[in-house]
PDB file of all heavy atoms in Angstrom:
ATOM      1  N   VAL A   1     -10.723   5.302   0.838  1.00  0.00           N
ATOM      2  CA  VAL A   1     -10.827   5.263  -0.593  1.00  0.00           C
ATOM      3  C   VAL A   1      -9.517   4.636  -1.097  1.00  0.00           C
ATOM      4  O   VAL A   1      -8.410   5.300  -1.015  1.00  0.00           O
ATOM      5  CB  VAL A   1     -10.981   6.707  -1.180  1.00  0.00           C
ATOM      6  CG1 VAL A   1     -11.110   6.609  -2.722  1.00  0.00           C
ATOM      7  CG2 VAL A   1     -12.206   7.367  -0.592  1.00  0.00           C
ATOM      8  N   SER A   2      -9.567   3.452  -1.562  1.00  0.00           N
ATOM      9  CA  SER A   2      -8.332   2.703  -1.822  1.00  0.00           C
ATOM     10  C   SER A   2      -8.055   2.346  -3.251  1.00  0.00           C
ATOM     11  O   SER A   2      -7.033   1.749  -3.576  1.00  0.00           O
ATOM     12  CB  SER A   2      -8.379   1.342  -1.022  1.00  0.00           C
ATOM     13  OG  SER A   2      -9.375   0.501  -1.538  1.00  0.00           O
ATOM     14  N   ASN A   3      -8.980   2.696  -4.148  1.00  0.00           N
ATOM     15  CA  ASN A   3      -8.842   2.339  -5.559  1.00  0.00           C
ATOM     16  C   ASN A   3      -7.692   3.109  -6.221  1.00  0.00           C
ATOM     17  O   ASN A   3      -7.678   4.380  -6.307  1.00  0.00           O
ATOM     18  CB  ASN A   3     -10.117   2.629  -6.323  1.00  0.00           C
ATOM     19  CG  ASN A   3     -10.112   1.984  -7.697  1.00  0.00           C
ATOM     20  OD1 ASN A   3      -9.329   1.092  -7.967  1.00  0.00           O
ATOM     21  ND2 ASN A   3     -11.017   2.425  -8.566  1.00  0.00           N
ATOM     22  N   LYS A   4      -6.683   2.429  -6.667  1.00  0.00           N
ATOM     23  CA  LYS A   4      -5.523   3.006  -7.318  1.00  0.00           C
ATOM     24  C   LYS A   4      -5.133   2.257  -8.577  1.00  0.00           C
ATOM     25  O   LYS A   4      -5.193   1.025  -8.587  1.00  0.00           O
ATOM     26  CB  LYS A   4      -4.284   3.050  -6.370  1.00  0.00           C
ATOM     27  CG  LYS A   4      -4.353   4.021  -5.200  1.00  0.00           C
ATOM     28  CD  LYS A   4      -3.017   4.255  -4.592  1.00  0.00           C
ATOM     29  CE  LYS A   4      -3.071   5.432  -3.613  1.00  0.00           C
ATOM     30  NZ  LYS A   4      -1.694   5.839  -3.207  1.00  0.00           N
ATOM     31  N   VAL A   5      -4.851   3.005  -9.608  1.00  0.00           N
ATOM     32  CA  VAL A   5      -4.430   2.381 -10.839  1.00  0.00           C
ATOM     33  C   VAL A   5      -3.186   3.117 -11.320  1.00  0.00           C
ATOM     34  O   VAL A   5      -3.125   4.325 -11.429  1.00  0.00           O
ATOM     35  CB  VAL A   5      -5.502   2.487 -11.968  1.00  0.00           C
ATOM     36  CG1 VAL A   5      -5.000   1.978 -13.294  1.00  0.00           C
ATOM     37  CG2 VAL A   5      -6.779   1.766 -11.525  1.00  0.00           C
ATOM     38  N   LYS A   6      -2.073   2.363 -11.642  1.00  0.00           N
ATOM     39  CA  LYS A   6      -0.853   2.986 -12.094  1.00  0.00           C
ATOM     40  C   LYS A   6      -0.048   1.980 -12.942  1.00  0.00           C
ATOM     41  O   LYS A   6       0.080   0.809 -12.572  1.00  0.00           O
ATOM     42  CB  LYS A   6      -0.037   3.358 -10.841  1.00  0.00           C
ATOM     43  CG  LYS A   6       1.141   4.341 -11.168  1.00  0.00           C
ATOM     44  CD  LYS A   6       1.818   4.862  -9.864  1.00  0.00           C
ATOM     45  CE  LYS A   6       2.857   5.845 -10.212  1.00  0.00           C
ATOM     46  NZ  LYS A   6       3.550   6.365  -9.007  1.00  0.00           N
ATOM     47  N   GLN A   7       0.402   2.444 -14.056  1.00  0.00           N
ATOM     48  CA  GLN A   7       1.213   1.648 -14.975  1.00  0.00           C
ATOM     49  C   GLN A   7       0.555   0.300 -15.304  1.00  0.00           C
ATOM     50  O   GLN A   7       1.257  -0.712 -15.482  1.00  0.00           O
ATOM     51  CB  GLN A   7       2.611   1.404 -14.342  1.00  0.00           C
ATOM     52  CG  GLN A   7       3.438   2.616 -14.110  1.00  0.00           C
ATOM     53  CD  GLN A   7       3.687   3.442 -15.352  1.00  0.00           C
ATOM     54  OE1 GLN A   7       3.372   4.612 -15.443  1.00  0.00           O
ATOM     55  NE2 GLN A   7       4.306   2.845 -16.351  1.00  0.00           N
ATOM     56  N   GLY A   8      -0.804   0.351 -15.431  1.00  0.00           N
ATOM     57  CA  GLY A   8      -1.532  -0.844 -15.805  1.00  0.00           C
ATOM     58  C   GLY A   8      -1.731  -1.858 -14.691  1.00  0.00           C
ATOM     59  O   GLY A   8      -2.147  -3.023 -14.977  1.00  0.00           O
ATOM     60  N   PHE A   9      -1.503  -1.430 -13.472  1.00  0.00           N
ATOM     61  CA  PHE A   9      -1.727  -2.336 -12.325  1.00  0.00           C
ATOM     62  C   PHE A   9      -2.843  -1.768 -11.425  1.00  0.00           C
ATOM     63  O   PHE A   9      -2.930  -0.577 -11.206  1.00  0.00           O
ATOM     64  CB  PHE A   9      -0.467  -2.447 -11.461  1.00  0.00           C
ATOM     65  CG  PHE A   9       0.616  -3.274 -12.099  1.00  0.00           C
ATOM     66  CD1 PHE A   9       1.603  -2.697 -12.831  1.00  0.00           C
ATOM     67  CD2 PHE A   9       0.623  -4.667 -11.931  1.00  0.00           C
ATOM     68  CE1 PHE A   9       2.609  -3.502 -13.433  1.00  0.00           C
ATOM     69  CE2 PHE A   9       1.616  -5.441 -12.472  1.00  0.00           C
ATOM     70  CZ  PHE A   9       2.609  -4.843 -13.210  1.00  0.00           C
ATOM     71  N   CYS A  10      -3.702  -2.667 -10.997  1.00  0.00           N
ATOM     72  CA  CYS A  10      -4.676  -2.327  -9.996  1.00  0.00           C
ATOM     73  C   CYS A  10      -3.989  -2.500  -8.623  1.00  0.00           C
ATOM     74  O   CYS A  10      -3.480  -3.534  -8.291  1.00  0.00           O
ATOM     75  CB  CYS A  10      -5.860  -3.310 -10.027  1.00  0.00           C
ATOM     76  SG  CYS A  10      -6.730  -3.338 -11.633  1.00  0.00           S
ATOM     77  N   GLN A  11      -4.030  -1.409  -7.809  1.00  0.00           N
ATOM     78  CA  GLN A  11      -3.360  -1.383  -6.530  1.00  0.00           C
ATOM     79  C   GLN A  11      -4.370  -0.998  -5.431  1.00  0.00           C
ATOM     80  O   GLN A  11      -5.461  -0.438  -5.720  1.00  0.00           O
ATOM     81  CB  GLN A  11      -2.181  -0.445  -6.511  1.00  0.00           C
ATOM     82  CG  GLN A  11      -1.041  -0.863  -7.445  1.00  0.00           C
ATOM     83  CD  GLN A  11       0.145   0.109  -7.386  1.00  0.00           C
ATOM     84  OE1 GLN A  11       0.150   1.112  -8.074  1.00  0.00           O
ATOM     85  NE2 GLN A  11       1.082  -0.201  -6.526  1.00  0.00           N
ATOM     86  N   VAL A  12      -3.999  -1.283  -4.181  1.00  0.00           N
ATOM     87  CA  VAL A  12      -4.865  -0.982  -3.036  1.00  0.00           C
ATOM     88  C   VAL A  12      -4.117   0.065  -2.197  1.00  0.00           C
ATOM     89  O   VAL A  12      -3.030  -0.187  -1.649  1.00  0.00           O
ATOM     90  CB  VAL A  12      -5.147  -2.242  -2.227  1.00  0.00           C
ATOM     91  CG1 VAL A  12      -6.073  -1.886  -1.041  1.00  0.00           C
ATOM     92  CG2 VAL A  12      -5.842  -3.291  -3.073  1.00  0.00           C
ATOM     93  N   GLY A  13      -4.718   1.220  -2.017  1.00  0.00           N
ATOM     94  CA  GLY A  13      -4.162   2.254  -1.108  1.00  0.00           C
ATOM     95  C   GLY A  13      -4.247   1.796   0.321  1.00  0.00           C
ATOM     96  O   GLY A  13      -5.292   1.376   0.803  1.00  0.00           O
ATOM     97  N   VAL A  14      -3.123   1.874   1.015  1.00  0.00           N
ATOM     98  CA  VAL A  14      -3.057   1.460   2.398  1.00  0.00           C
ATOM     99  C   VAL A  14      -2.463   2.546   3.331  1.00  0.00           C
ATOM    100  O   VAL A  14      -1.764   3.398   2.836  1.00  0.00           O
ATOM    101  CB  VAL A  14      -2.254   0.164   2.589  1.00  0.00           C
ATOM    102  CG1 VAL A  14      -2.939  -1.003   1.872  1.00  0.00           C
ATOM    103  CG2 VAL A  14      -0.821   0.337   2.076  1.00  0.00           C
ATOM    104  N   GLU A  15      -2.812   2.462   4.573  1.00  0.00           N
ATOM    105  CA  GLU A  15      -2.337   3.407   5.616  1.00  0.00           C
ATOM    106  C   GLU A  15      -1.496   2.625   6.598  1.00  0.00           C
ATOM    107  O   GLU A  15      -1.824   1.455   6.937  1.00  0.00           O
ATOM    108  CB  GLU A  15      -3.537   4.034   6.298  1.00  0.00           C
ATOM    109  CG  GLU A  15      -3.218   5.094   7.285  1.00  0.00           C
ATOM    110  CD  GLU A  15      -4.425   5.759   7.855  1.00  0.00           C
ATOM    111  OE1 GLU A  15      -5.539   5.203   7.703  1.00  0.00           O
ATOM    112  OE2 GLU A  15      -4.291   6.801   8.491  1.00  0.00           O
ATOM    113  N   CYS A  16      -0.426   3.202   7.076  1.00  0.00           N
ATOM    114  CA  CYS A  16       0.422   2.564   8.107  1.00  0.00           C
ATOM    115  C   CYS A  16      -0.217   2.739   9.476  1.00  0.00           C
ATOM    116  O   CYS A  16      -0.472   3.822   9.932  1.00  0.00           O
ATOM    117  CB  CYS A  16       1.822   3.214   8.108  1.00  0.00           C
ATOM    118  SG  CYS A  16       2.732   3.024   6.598  1.00  0.00           S
ATOM    119  N   TYR A  17      -0.461   1.597  10.094  1.00  0.00           N
ATOM    120  CA  TYR A  17      -1.044   1.529  11.439  1.00  0.00           C
ATOM    121  C   TYR A  17       0.082   1.189  12.403  1.00  0.00           C
ATOM    122  O   TYR A  17       0.602   0.087  12.372  1.00  0.00           O
ATOM    123  CB  TYR A  17      -2.222   0.568  11.500  1.00  0.00           C
ATOM    124  CG  TYR A  17      -2.809   0.441  12.899  1.00  0.00           C
ATOM    125  CD1 TYR A  17      -3.810   1.245  13.311  1.00  0.00           C
ATOM    126  CD2 TYR A  17      -2.326  -0.555  13.742  1.00  0.00           C
ATOM    127  CE1 TYR A  17      -4.368   1.126  14.585  1.00  0.00           C
ATOM    128  CE2 TYR A  17      -2.883  -0.687  15.044  1.00  0.00           C
ATOM    129  CZ  TYR A  17      -3.888   0.171  15.477  1.00  0.00           C
ATOM    130  OH  TYR A  17      -4.442   0.020  16.726  1.00  0.00           O
ATOM    131  N   GLY A  18       0.395   2.078  13.319  1.00  0.00           N
ATOM    132  CA  GLY A  18       1.433   1.803  14.290  1.00  0.00           C
ATOM    133  C   GLY A  18       2.766   1.940  13.783  1.00  0.00           C
ATOM    134  O   GLY A  18       3.041   2.414  12.648  1.00  0.00           O
ATOM    135  N   GLY A  19       3.802   1.520  14.606  1.00  0.00           N
ATOM    136  CA  GLY A  19       5.178   1.713  14.220  1.00  0.00           C
ATOM    137  C   GLY A  19       5.796   0.383  13.706  1.00  0.00           C
ATOM    138  O   GLY A  19       6.614  -0.241  14.376  1.00  0.00           O
ATOM    139  N   GLY A  20       5.387  -0.041  12.512  1.00  0.00           N
ATOM    140  CA  GLY A  20       5.865  -1.264  11.923  1.00  0.00           C
ATOM    141  C   GLY A  20       7.302  -1.178  11.350  1.00  0.00           C
ATOM    142  O   GLY A  20       7.713  -0.064  11.023  1.00  0.00           O
ATOM    143  N   ILE A  21       7.959  -2.271  11.257  1.00  0.00           N
ATOM    144  CA  ILE A  21       9.205  -2.355  10.437  1.00  0.00           C
ATOM    145  C   ILE A  21       8.755  -2.585   9.029  1.00  0.00           C
ATOM    146  O   ILE A  21       8.606  -3.728   8.586  1.00  0.00           O
ATOM    147  CB  ILE A  21      10.149  -3.448  10.966  1.00  0.00           C
ATOM    148  CG1 ILE A  21      10.447  -3.320  12.453  1.00  0.00           C
ATOM    149  CG2 ILE A  21      11.412  -3.447  10.179  1.00  0.00           C
ATOM    150  CD1 ILE A  21      11.272  -4.402  13.032  1.00  0.00           C
ATOM    151  N   TRP A  22       8.514  -1.496   8.294  1.00  0.00           N
ATOM    152  CA  TRP A  22       7.758  -1.606   7.039  1.00  0.00           C
ATOM    153  C   TRP A  22       8.536  -2.328   5.943  1.00  0.00           C
ATOM    154  O   TRP A  22       7.899  -2.902   5.055  1.00  0.00           O
ATOM    155  CB  TRP A  22       7.319  -0.269   6.630  1.00  0.00           C
ATOM    156  CG  TRP A  22       6.459   0.457   7.623  1.00  0.00           C
ATOM    157  CD1 TRP A  22       6.684   1.629   8.255  1.00  0.00           C
ATOM    158  CD2 TRP A  22       5.194  -0.062   8.189  1.00  0.00           C
ATOM    159  NE1 TRP A  22       5.700   1.904   9.158  1.00  0.00           N
ATOM    160  CE2 TRP A  22       4.767   0.905   9.184  1.00  0.00           C
ATOM    161  CE3 TRP A  22       4.474  -1.210   7.970  1.00  0.00           C
ATOM    162  CZ2 TRP A  22       3.622   0.700   9.922  1.00  0.00           C
ATOM    163  CZ3 TRP A  22       3.311  -1.367   8.715  1.00  0.00           C
ATOM    164  CH2 TRP A  22       2.887  -0.443   9.674  1.00  0.00           C
ATOM    165  N   ASN A  23       9.886  -2.323   5.995  1.00  0.00           N
ATOM    166  CA  ASN A  23      10.567  -3.016   4.934  1.00  0.00           C
ATOM    167  C   ASN A  23      10.368  -4.543   4.976  1.00  0.00           C
ATOM    168  O   ASN A  23      10.583  -5.230   4.027  1.00  0.00           O
ATOM    169  CB  ASN A  23      12.070  -2.684   4.936  1.00  0.00           C
ATOM    170  CG  ASN A  23      12.750  -2.958   6.236  1.00  0.00           C
ATOM    171  OD1 ASN A  23      12.325  -3.818   6.981  1.00  0.00           O
ATOM    172  ND2 ASN A  23      13.891  -2.300   6.495  1.00  0.00           N
ATOM    173  N   THR A  24       9.878  -5.064   6.168  1.00  0.00           N
ATOM    174  CA  THR A  24       9.592  -6.496   6.247  1.00  0.00           C
ATOM    175  C   THR A  24       8.322  -6.831   5.496  1.00  0.00           C
ATOM    176  O   THR A  24       8.101  -8.044   5.331  1.00  0.00           O
ATOM    177  CB  THR A  24       9.523  -6.957   7.689  1.00  0.00           C
ATOM    178  OG1 THR A  24       8.434  -6.329   8.321  1.00  0.00           O
ATOM    179  CG2 THR A  24      10.833  -6.618   8.425  1.00  0.00           C
ATOM    180  N   TRP A  25       7.548  -5.921   5.070  1.00  0.00           N
ATOM    181  CA  TRP A  25       6.301  -6.157   4.351  1.00  0.00           C
ATOM    182  C   TRP A  25       6.550  -6.380   2.846  1.00  0.00           C
ATOM    183  O   TRP A  25       5.637  -6.740   2.136  1.00  0.00           O
ATOM    184  CB  TRP A  25       5.266  -5.090   4.624  1.00  0.00           C
ATOM    185  CG  TRP A  25       4.722  -5.114   5.985  1.00  0.00           C
ATOM    186  CD1 TRP A  25       5.358  -4.833   7.152  1.00  0.00           C
ATOM    187  CD2 TRP A  25       3.440  -5.571   6.365  1.00  0.00           C
ATOM    188  NE1 TRP A  25       4.539  -5.010   8.231  1.00  0.00           N
ATOM    189  CE2 TRP A  25       3.353  -5.508   7.758  1.00  0.00           C
ATOM    190  CE3 TRP A  25       2.299  -6.030   5.670  1.00  0.00           C
ATOM    191  CZ2 TRP A  25       2.191  -5.852   8.488  1.00  0.00           C
ATOM    192  CZ3 TRP A  25       1.173  -6.404   6.354  1.00  0.00           C
ATOM    193  CH2 TRP A  25       1.123  -6.300   7.749  1.00  0.00           C
ATOM    194  N   PHE A  26       7.739  -6.099   2.405  1.00  0.00           N
ATOM    195  CA  PHE A  26       8.030  -6.291   0.999  1.00  0.00           C
ATOM    196  C   PHE A  26       8.258  -7.795   0.687  1.00  0.00           C
ATOM    197  O   PHE A  26       8.771  -8.505   1.479  1.00  0.00           O
ATOM    198  CB  PHE A  26       9.322  -5.522   0.615  1.00  0.00           C
ATOM    199  CG  PHE A  26       9.101  -4.045   0.433  1.00  0.00           C
ATOM    200  CD1 PHE A  26       8.874  -3.223   1.554  1.00  0.00           C
ATOM    201  CD2 PHE A  26       9.085  -3.463  -0.808  1.00  0.00           C
ATOM    202  CE1 PHE A  26       8.723  -1.855   1.396  1.00  0.00           C
ATOM    203  CE2 PHE A  26       8.882  -2.094  -0.991  1.00  0.00           C
ATOM    204  CZ  PHE A  26       8.711  -1.321   0.152  1.00  0.00           C
TER     205      PHE A  26
END
């Protein structure tokens, strides 16, 4: 269930798969 709305933005809920270096996704 990925539908997210916040501060007037449509966003997509995501789950972290594996041990990523997550700051590189910014």
